[in-house]
Amino acid sequence: MVTRLDGPSAEIARGLVDKAIEAETDGLWGRAYFDLRGVTDPGYKPGDDWIRAASEICQRLGFETVVDEKPRHFLRSFR
């Protein structure tokens, strides 16, 4: 596979590779956050549906999963 890595600096882009190698070596762990909006507009609803499907996959795979369906976005301080 060929892909392009990008970031605000070469150091950050290299860090993406390091993190990917670490996840493949040690396993992926953490909490998954999904911000659903309950969008009904036909132009945006498919995106909301994709996000919901991704949250369901993460739950099935055993990740601790937080799904927010409130109209507001996650706050920057949310943990």
PDB file of N, CA and C in Angstrom:
ATOM      1  N   MET A   1       0.840  -1.162   0.000  1.00  0.00           N
ATOM      2  CA  MET A   1       0.000   0.000   0.000  1.00  0.00           C
ATOM      3  C   MET A   1       0.891   1.233   0.000  1.00  0.00           C
ATOM      4  N   VAL A   2       0.500   2.220  -0.759  1.00  0.00           N
ATOM      5  CA  VAL A   2       1.204   3.489  -0.805  1.00  0.00           C
ATOM      6  C   VAL A   2       0.272   4.546  -0.232  1.00  0.00           C
ATOM      7  N   THR A   3       0.816   5.382   0.632  1.00  0.00           N
ATOM      8  CA  THR A   3       0.005   6.434   1.240  1.00  0.00           C
ATOM      9  C   THR A   3       0.869   7.650   1.516  1.00  0.00           C
ATOM     10  N   ARG A   4       0.235   8.728   1.862  1.00  0.00           N
ATOM     11  CA  ARG A   4       0.944   9.959   2.168  1.00  0.00           C
ATOM     12  C   ARG A   4       0.657  10.335   3.607  1.00  0.00           C
ATOM     13  N   LEU A   5       1.691  10.640   4.356  1.00  0.00           N
ATOM     14  CA  LEU A   5       1.535  11.111   5.727  1.00  0.00           C
ATOM     15  C   LEU A   5       1.738  12.609   5.739  1.00  0.00           C
ATOM     16  N   ASP A   6       0.960  13.275   6.549  1.00  0.00           N
ATOM     17  CA  ASP A   6       1.067  14.727   6.604  1.00  0.00           C
ATOM     18  C   ASP A   6       0.886  15.183   8.038  1.00  0.00           C
ATOM     19  N   GLY A   7       1.491  16.274   8.353  1.00  0.00           N
ATOM     20  CA  GLY A   7       1.359  16.876   9.672  1.00  0.00           C
ATOM     21  C   GLY A   7       2.005  18.237   9.649  1.00  0.00           C
ATOM     22  N   PRO A   8       1.850  18.978  10.730  1.00  0.00           N
ATOM     23  CA  PRO A   8       2.435  20.327  10.761  1.00  0.00           C
ATOM     24  C   PRO A   8       3.957  20.322  10.758  1.00  0.00           C
ATOM     25  N   SER A   9       4.564  19.165  11.036  1.00  0.00           N
ATOM     26  CA  SER A   9       6.027  19.066  10.967  1.00  0.00           C
ATOM     27  C   SER A   9       6.406  17.632  10.582  1.00  0.00           C
ATOM     28  N   ALA A  10       7.631  17.476  10.113  1.00  0.00           N
ATOM     29  CA  ALA A  10       8.117  16.139   9.764  1.00  0.00           C
ATOM     30  C   ALA A  10       8.167  15.258  11.005  1.00  0.00           C
ATOM     31  N   GLU A  11       8.506  15.830  12.149  1.00  0.00           N
ATOM     32  CA  GLU A  11       8.562  15.076  13.398  1.00  0.00           C
ATOM     33  C   GLU A  11       7.195  14.492  13.756  1.00  0.00           C
ATOM     34  N   ILE A  12       6.140  15.279  13.597  1.00  0.00           N
ATOM     35  CA  ILE A  12       4.790  14.797  13.901  1.00  0.00           C
ATOM     36  C   ILE A  12       4.379  13.715  12.902  1.00  0.00           C
ATOM     37  N   ALA A  13       4.708  13.896  11.626  1.00  0.00           N
ATOM     38  CA  ALA A  13       4.381  12.879  10.627  1.00  0.00           C
ATOM     39  C   ALA A  13       5.106  11.566  10.931  1.00  0.00           C
ATOM     40  N   ARG A  14       6.388  11.639  11.328  1.00  0.00           N
ATOM     41  CA  ARG A  14       7.122  10.423  11.701  1.00  0.00           C
ATOM     42  C   ARG A  14       6.491   9.778  12.937  1.00  0.00           C
ATOM     43  N   GLY A  15       5.980  10.610  13.844  1.00  0.00           N
ATOM     44  CA  GLY A  15       5.318  10.092  15.038  1.00  0.00           C
ATOM     45  C   GLY A  15       4.097   9.261  14.700  1.00  0.00           C
ATOM     46  N   LEU A  16       3.413   9.599  13.604  1.00  0.00           N
ATOM     47  CA  LEU A  16       2.256   8.804  13.169  1.00  0.00           C
ATOM     48  C   LEU A  16       2.683   7.378  12.843  1.00  0.00           C
ATOM     49  N   VAL A  17       3.826   7.252  12.198  1.00  0.00           N
ATOM     50  CA  VAL A  17       4.345   5.920  11.870  1.00  0.00           C
ATOM     51  C   VAL A  17       4.725   5.179  13.144  1.00  0.00           C
ATOM     52  N   ASP A  18       5.409   5.865  14.056  1.00  0.00           N
ATOM     53  CA  ASP A  18       5.802   5.235  15.316  1.00  0.00           C
ATOM     54  C   ASP A  18       4.586   4.741  16.091  1.00  0.00           C
ATOM     55  N   LYS A  19       3.529   5.535  16.133  1.00  0.00           N
ATOM     56  CA  LYS A  19       2.311   5.141  16.853  1.00  0.00           C
ATOM     57  C   LYS A  19       1.622   3.960  16.184  1.00  0.00           C
ATOM     58  N   ALA A  20       1.635   3.924  14.862  1.00  0.00           N
ATOM     59  CA  ALA A  20       1.024   2.802  14.144  1.00  0.00           C
ATOM     60  C   ALA A  20       1.797   1.514  14.425  1.00  0.00           C
ATOM     61  N   ILE A  21       3.118   1.583  14.414  1.00  0.00           N
ATOM     62  CA  ILE A  21       3.945   0.396  14.708  1.00  0.00           C
ATOM     63  C   ILE A  21       3.697  -0.062  16.147  1.00  0.00           C
ATOM     64  N   GLU A  22       3.604   0.884  17.070  1.00  0.00           N
ATOM     65  CA  GLU A  22       3.340   0.542  18.470  1.00  0.00           C
ATOM     66  C   GLU A  22       1.987  -0.159  18.613  1.00  0.00           C
ATOM     67  N   ALA A  23       0.975   0.332  17.926  1.00  0.00           N
ATOM     68  CA  ALA A  23      -0.356  -0.289  18.001  1.00  0.00           C
ATOM     69  C   ALA A  23      -0.339  -1.695  17.414  1.00  0.00           C
ATOM     70  N   GLU A  24       0.407  -1.892  16.336  1.00  0.00           N
ATOM     71  CA  GLU A  24       0.488  -3.230  15.745  1.00  0.00           C
ATOM     72  C   GLU A  24       1.263  -4.185  16.654  1.00  0.00           C
ATOM     73  N   THR A  25       2.223  -3.670  17.373  1.00  0.00           N
ATOM     74  CA  THR A  25       3.041  -4.497  18.256  1.00  0.00           C
ATOM     75  C   THR A  25       2.328  -4.805  19.577  1.00  0.00           C
ATOM     76  N   ASP A  26       1.779  -3.772  20.200  1.00  0.00           N
ATOM     77  CA  ASP A  26       1.215  -3.897  21.549  1.00  0.00           C
ATOM     78  C   ASP A  26      -0.298  -4.040  21.571  1.00  0.00           C
ATOM     79  N   GLY A  27      -0.942  -3.823  20.433  1.00  0.00           N
ATOM     80  CA  GLY A  27      -2.403  -3.838  20.394  1.00  0.00           C
ATOM     81  C   GLY A  27      -2.957  -2.425  20.551  1.00  0.00           C
ATOM     82  N   LEU A  28      -4.126  -2.253  20.058  1.00  0.00           N
ATOM     83  CA  LEU A  28      -4.777  -0.958  20.116  1.00  0.00           C
ATOM     84  C   LEU A  28      -5.677  -0.933  21.340  1.00  0.00           C
ATOM     85  N   TRP A  29      -5.618   0.129  22.110  1.00  0.00           N
ATOM     86  CA  TRP A  29      -6.456   0.234  23.294  1.00  0.00           C
ATOM     87  C   TRP A  29      -6.901   1.683  23.441  1.00  0.00           C
ATOM     88  N   GLY A  30      -7.872   1.876  24.259  1.00  0.00           N
ATOM     89  CA  GLY A  30      -8.326   3.234  24.537  1.00  0.00           C
ATOM     90  C   GLY A  30      -9.838   3.320  24.483  1.00  0.00           C
ATOM     91  N   ARG A  31     -10.314   4.516  24.557  1.00  0.00           N
ATOM     92  CA  ARG A  31     -11.741   4.798  24.555  1.00  0.00           C
ATOM     93  C   ARG A  31     -12.083   5.442  23.219  1.00  0.00           C
ATOM     94  N   ALA A  32     -13.188   5.009  22.639  1.00  0.00           N
ATOM     95  CA  ALA A  32     -13.633   5.563  21.354  1.00  0.00           C
ATOM     96  C   ALA A  32     -14.789   6.536  21.608  1.00  0.00           C
ATOM     97  N   TYR A  33     -14.691   7.732  21.069  1.00  0.00           N
ATOM     98  CA  TYR A  33     -15.726   8.754  21.217  1.00  0.00           C
ATOM     99  C   TYR A  33     -16.394   9.000  19.871  1.00  0.00           C
ATOM    100  N   PHE A  34     -17.716   9.035  19.868  1.00  0.00           N
ATOM    101  CA  PHE A  34     -18.471   9.298  18.648  1.00  0.00           C
ATOM    102  C   PHE A  34     -19.500  10.376  18.938  1.00  0.00           C
ATOM    103  N   ASP A  35     -19.494  11.394  18.115  1.00  0.00           N
ATOM    104  CA  ASP A  35     -20.394  12.532  18.298  1.00  0.00           C
ATOM    105  C   ASP A  35     -21.448  12.502  17.197  1.00  0.00           C
ATOM    106  N   LEU A  36     -22.604  11.950  17.534  1.00  0.00           N
ATOM    107  CA  LEU A  36     -23.707  11.882  16.574  1.00  0.00           C
ATOM    108  C   LEU A  36     -24.609  13.093  16.758  1.00  0.00           C
ATOM    109  N   ARG A  37     -25.205  13.528  15.702  1.00  0.00           N
ATOM    110  CA  ARG A  37     -26.040  14.725  15.774  1.00  0.00           C
ATOM    111  C   ARG A  37     -27.506  14.425  15.505  1.00  0.00           C
ATOM    112  N   GLY A  38     -27.850  13.211  15.082  1.00  0.00           N
ATOM    113  CA  GLY A  38     -29.235  12.918  14.740  1.00  0.00           C
ATOM    114  C   GLY A  38     -29.677  13.682  13.507  1.00  0.00           C
ATOM    115  N   VAL A  39     -28.768  13.840  12.563  1.00  0.00           N
ATOM    116  CA  VAL A  39     -29.018  14.619  11.358  1.00  0.00           C
ATOM    117  C   VAL A  39     -30.060  13.923  10.488  1.00  0.00           C
ATOM    118  N   THR A  40     -31.006  14.685   9.985  1.00  0.00           N
ATOM    119  CA  THR A  40     -32.016  14.117   9.080  1.00  0.00           C
ATOM    120  C   THR A  40     -31.903  14.673   7.665  1.00  0.00           C
ATOM    121  N   ASP A  41     -31.127  15.734   7.487  1.00  0.00           N
ATOM    122  CA  ASP A  41     -30.925  16.323   6.156  1.00  0.00           C
ATOM    123  C   ASP A  41     -30.314  15.261   5.245  1.00  0.00           C
ATOM    124  N   PRO A  42     -30.953  14.978   4.091  1.00  0.00           N
ATOM    125  CA  PRO A  42     -30.460  13.905   3.213  1.00  0.00           C
ATOM    126  C   PRO A  42     -29.007  14.081   2.769  1.00  0.00           C
ATOM    127  N   GLY A  43     -28.530  15.302   2.732  1.00  0.00           N
ATOM    128  CA  GLY A  43     -27.144  15.525   2.323  1.00  0.00           C
ATOM    129  C   GLY A  43     -26.135  15.148   3.391  1.00  0.00           C
ATOM    130  N   TYR A  44     -26.567  15.137   4.656  1.00  0.00           N
ATOM    131  CA  TYR A  44     -25.652  14.874   5.770  1.00  0.00           C
ATOM    132  C   TYR A  44     -25.954  13.573   6.516  1.00  0.00           C
ATOM    133  N   LYS A  45     -27.147  13.037   6.383  1.00  0.00           N
ATOM    134  CA  LYS A  45     -27.547  11.839   7.124  1.00  0.00           C
ATOM    135  C   LYS A  45     -26.630  10.645   6.878  1.00  0.00           C
ATOM    136  N   PRO A  46     -26.178  10.387   5.635  1.00  0.00           N
ATOM    137  CA  PRO A  46     -25.271   9.249   5.442  1.00  0.00           C
ATOM    138  C   PRO A  46     -24.021   9.335   6.319  1.00  0.00           C
ATOM    139  N   GLY A  47     -23.491  10.521   6.501  1.00  0.00           N
ATOM    140  CA  GLY A  47     -22.313  10.684   7.362  1.00  0.00           C
ATOM    141  C   GLY A  47     -22.618  10.309   8.799  1.00  0.00           C
ATOM    142  N   ASP A  48     -23.764  10.754   9.302  1.00  0.00           N
ATOM    143  CA  ASP A  48     -24.172  10.408  10.658  1.00  0.00           C
ATOM    144  C   ASP A  48     -24.373   8.893  10.781  1.00  0.00           C
ATOM    145  N   ASP A  49     -24.947   8.279   9.749  1.00  0.00           N
ATOM    146  CA  ASP A  49     -25.149   6.830   9.756  1.00  0.00           C
ATOM    147  C   ASP A  49     -23.813   6.080   9.777  1.00  0.00           C
ATOM    148  N   TRP A  50     -22.821   6.574   9.033  1.00  0.00           N
ATOM    149  CA  TRP A  50     -21.498   5.943   9.018  1.00  0.00           C
ATOM    150  C   TRP A  50     -20.858   6.030  10.400  1.00  0.00           C
ATOM    151  N   ILE A  51     -20.998   7.185  11.049  1.00  0.00           N
ATOM    152  CA  ILE A  51     -20.424   7.349  12.381  1.00  0.00           C
ATOM    153  C   ILE A  51     -21.106   6.396  13.363  1.00  0.00           C
ATOM    154  N   ARG A  52     -22.433   6.268  13.276  1.00  0.00           N
ATOM    155  CA  ARG A  52     -23.158   5.339  14.151  1.00  0.00           C
ATOM    156  C   ARG A  52     -22.679   3.899  13.913  1.00  0.00           C
ATOM    157  N   ALA A  53     -22.519   3.509  12.664  1.00  0.00           N
ATOM    158  CA  ALA A  53     -22.050   2.154  12.344  1.00  0.00           C
ATOM    159  C   ALA A  53     -20.648   1.923  12.914  1.00  0.00           C
ATOM    160  N   ALA A  54     -19.786   2.917  12.809  1.00  0.00           N
ATOM    161  CA  ALA A  54     -18.434   2.790  13.357  1.00  0.00           C
ATOM    162  C   ALA A  54     -18.484   2.615  14.871  1.00  0.00           C
ATOM    163  N   SER A  55     -19.382   3.337  15.539  1.00  0.00           N
ATOM    164  CA  SER A  55     -19.495   3.195  16.994  1.00  0.00           C
ATOM    165  C   SER A  55     -19.959   1.787  17.362  1.00  0.00           C
ATOM    166  N   GLU A  56     -20.872   1.235  16.585  1.00  0.00           N
ATOM    167  CA  GLU A  56     -21.363  -0.118  16.852  1.00  0.00           C
ATOM    168  C   GLU A  56     -20.266  -1.166  16.641  1.00  0.00           C
ATOM    169  N   ILE A  57     -19.440  -0.963  15.642  1.00  0.00           N
ATOM    170  CA  ILE A  57     -18.314  -1.876  15.400  1.00  0.00           C
ATOM    171  C   ILE A  57     -17.338  -1.823  16.575  1.00  0.00           C
ATOM    172  N   CYS A  58     -17.026  -0.624  17.034  1.00  0.00           N
ATOM    173  CA  CYS A  58     -16.107  -0.489  18.167  1.00  0.00           C
ATOM    174  C   CYS A  58     -16.663  -1.165  19.415  1.00  0.00           C
ATOM    175  N   GLN A  59     -17.951  -1.005  19.653  1.00  0.00           N
ATOM    176  CA  GLN A  59     -18.569  -1.661  20.808  1.00  0.00           C
ATOM    177  C   GLN A  59     -18.458  -3.182  20.674  1.00  0.00           C
ATOM    178  N   ARG A  60     -18.746  -3.715  19.484  1.00  0.00           N
ATOM    179  CA  ARG A  60     -18.663  -5.163  19.274  1.00  0.00           C
ATOM    180  C   ARG A  60     -17.240  -5.682  19.455  1.00  0.00           C
ATOM    181  N   LEU A  61     -16.249  -4.860  19.108  1.00  0.00           N
ATOM    182  CA  LEU A  61     -14.851  -5.268  19.246  1.00  0.00           C
ATOM    183  C   LEU A  61     -14.331  -5.123  20.674  1.00  0.00           C
ATOM    184  N   GLY A  62     -15.183  -4.613  21.560  1.00  0.00           N
ATOM    185  CA  GLY A  62     -14.813  -4.544  22.964  1.00  0.00           C
ATOM    186  C   GLY A  62     -14.195  -3.246  23.425  1.00  0.00           C
ATOM    187  N   PHE A  63     -14.184  -2.230  22.564  1.00  0.00           N
ATOM    188  CA  PHE A  63     -13.653  -0.938  22.992  1.00  0.00           C
ATOM    189  C   PHE A  63     -14.653  -0.247  23.909  1.00  0.00           C
ATOM    190  N   GLU A  64     -14.129   0.413  24.943  1.00  0.00           N
ATOM    191  CA  GLU A  64     -14.989   1.285  25.738  1.00  0.00           C
ATOM    192  C   GLU A  64     -15.430   2.402  24.790  1.00  0.00           C
ATOM    193  N   THR A  65     -16.727   2.548  24.607  1.00  0.00           N
ATOM    194  CA  THR A  65     -17.243   3.444  23.575  1.00  0.00           C
ATOM    195  C   THR A  65     -18.215   4.450  24.175  1.00  0.00           C
ATOM    196  N   VAL A  66     -17.983   5.717  23.874  1.00  0.00           N
ATOM    197  CA  VAL A  66     -18.861   6.791  24.321  1.00  0.00           C
ATOM    198  C   VAL A  66     -19.560   7.343  23.086  1.00  0.00           C
ATOM    199  N   VAL A  67     -20.877   7.288  23.086  1.00  0.00           N
ATOM    200  CA  VAL A  67     -21.675   7.819  21.971  1.00  0.00           C
ATOM    201  C   VAL A  67     -22.500   8.984  22.504  1.00  0.00           C
ATOM    202  N   ASP A  68     -22.255  10.149  21.955  1.00  0.00           N
ATOM    203  CA  ASP A  68     -22.989  11.353  22.365  1.00  0.00           C
ATOM    204  C   ASP A  68     -23.986  11.688  21.269  1.00  0.00           C
ATOM    205  N   GLU A  69     -25.260  11.733  21.619  1.00  0.00           N
ATOM    206  CA  GLU A  69     -26.296  12.042  20.631  1.00  0.00           C
ATOM    207  C   GLU A  69     -26.954  13.392  20.905  1.00  0.00           C
ATOM    208  N   LYS A  70     -26.336  14.188  21.760  1.00  0.00           N
ATOM    209  CA  LYS A  70     -26.868  15.521  22.042  1.00  0.00           C
ATOM    210  C   LYS A  70     -26.530  16.457  20.884  1.00  0.00           C
ATOM    211  N   PRO A  71     -27.323  17.490  20.688  1.00  0.00           N
ATOM    212  CA  PRO A  71     -27.059  18.388  19.551  1.00  0.00           C
ATOM    213  C   PRO A  71     -25.753  19.172  19.660  1.00  0.00           C
ATOM    214  N   ARG A  72     -25.244  19.352  20.867  1.00  0.00           N
ATOM    215  CA  ARG A  72     -23.986  20.087  21.027  1.00  0.00           C
ATOM    216  C   ARG A  72     -22.805  19.169  20.733  1.00  0.00           C
ATOM    217  N   HIS A  73     -21.682  19.764  20.403  1.00  0.00           N
ATOM    218  CA  HIS A  73     -20.446  19.004  20.184  1.00  0.00           C
ATOM    219  C   HIS A  73     -19.838  18.651  21.537  1.00  0.00           C
ATOM    220  N   PHE A  74     -18.919  17.666  21.526  1.00  0.00           N
ATOM    221  CA  PHE A  74     -18.148  17.409  22.729  1.00  0.00           C
ATOM    222  C   PHE A  74     -17.425  18.691  23.104  1.00  0.00           C
ATOM    223  N   LEU A  75     -17.367  18.973  24.383  1.00  0.00           N
ATOM    224  CA  LEU A  75     -16.584  20.125  24.830  1.00  0.00           C
ATOM    225  C   LEU A  75     -15.104  19.789  24.739  1.00  0.00           C
ATOM    226  N   ARG A  76     -14.292  20.790  24.523  1.00  0.00           N
ATOM    227  CA  ARG A  76     -12.847  20.575  24.404  1.00  0.00           C
ATOM    228  C   ARG A  76     -12.303  19.892  25.650  1.00  0.00           C
ATOM    229  N   SER A  77     -12.870  20.183  26.808  1.00  0.00           N
ATOM    230  CA  SER A  77     -12.378  19.622  28.070  1.00  0.00           C
ATOM    231  C   SER A  77     -12.940  18.224  28.351  1.00  0.00           C
ATOM    232  N   PHE A  78     -13.789  17.676  27.478  1.00  0.00           N
ATOM    233  CA  PHE A  78     -14.438  16.386  27.714  1.00  0.00           C
ATOM    234  C   PHE A  78     -13.407  15.276  27.764  1.00  0.00           C
ATOM    235  N   ARG A  79     -13.534  14.390  28.730  1.00  0.00           N
ATOM    236  CA  ARG A  79     -12.624  13.229  28.849  1.00  0.00           C
ATOM    237  C   ARG A  79     -13.425  12.024  29.235  1.00  0.00           C
TER     238      ARG A  79
END
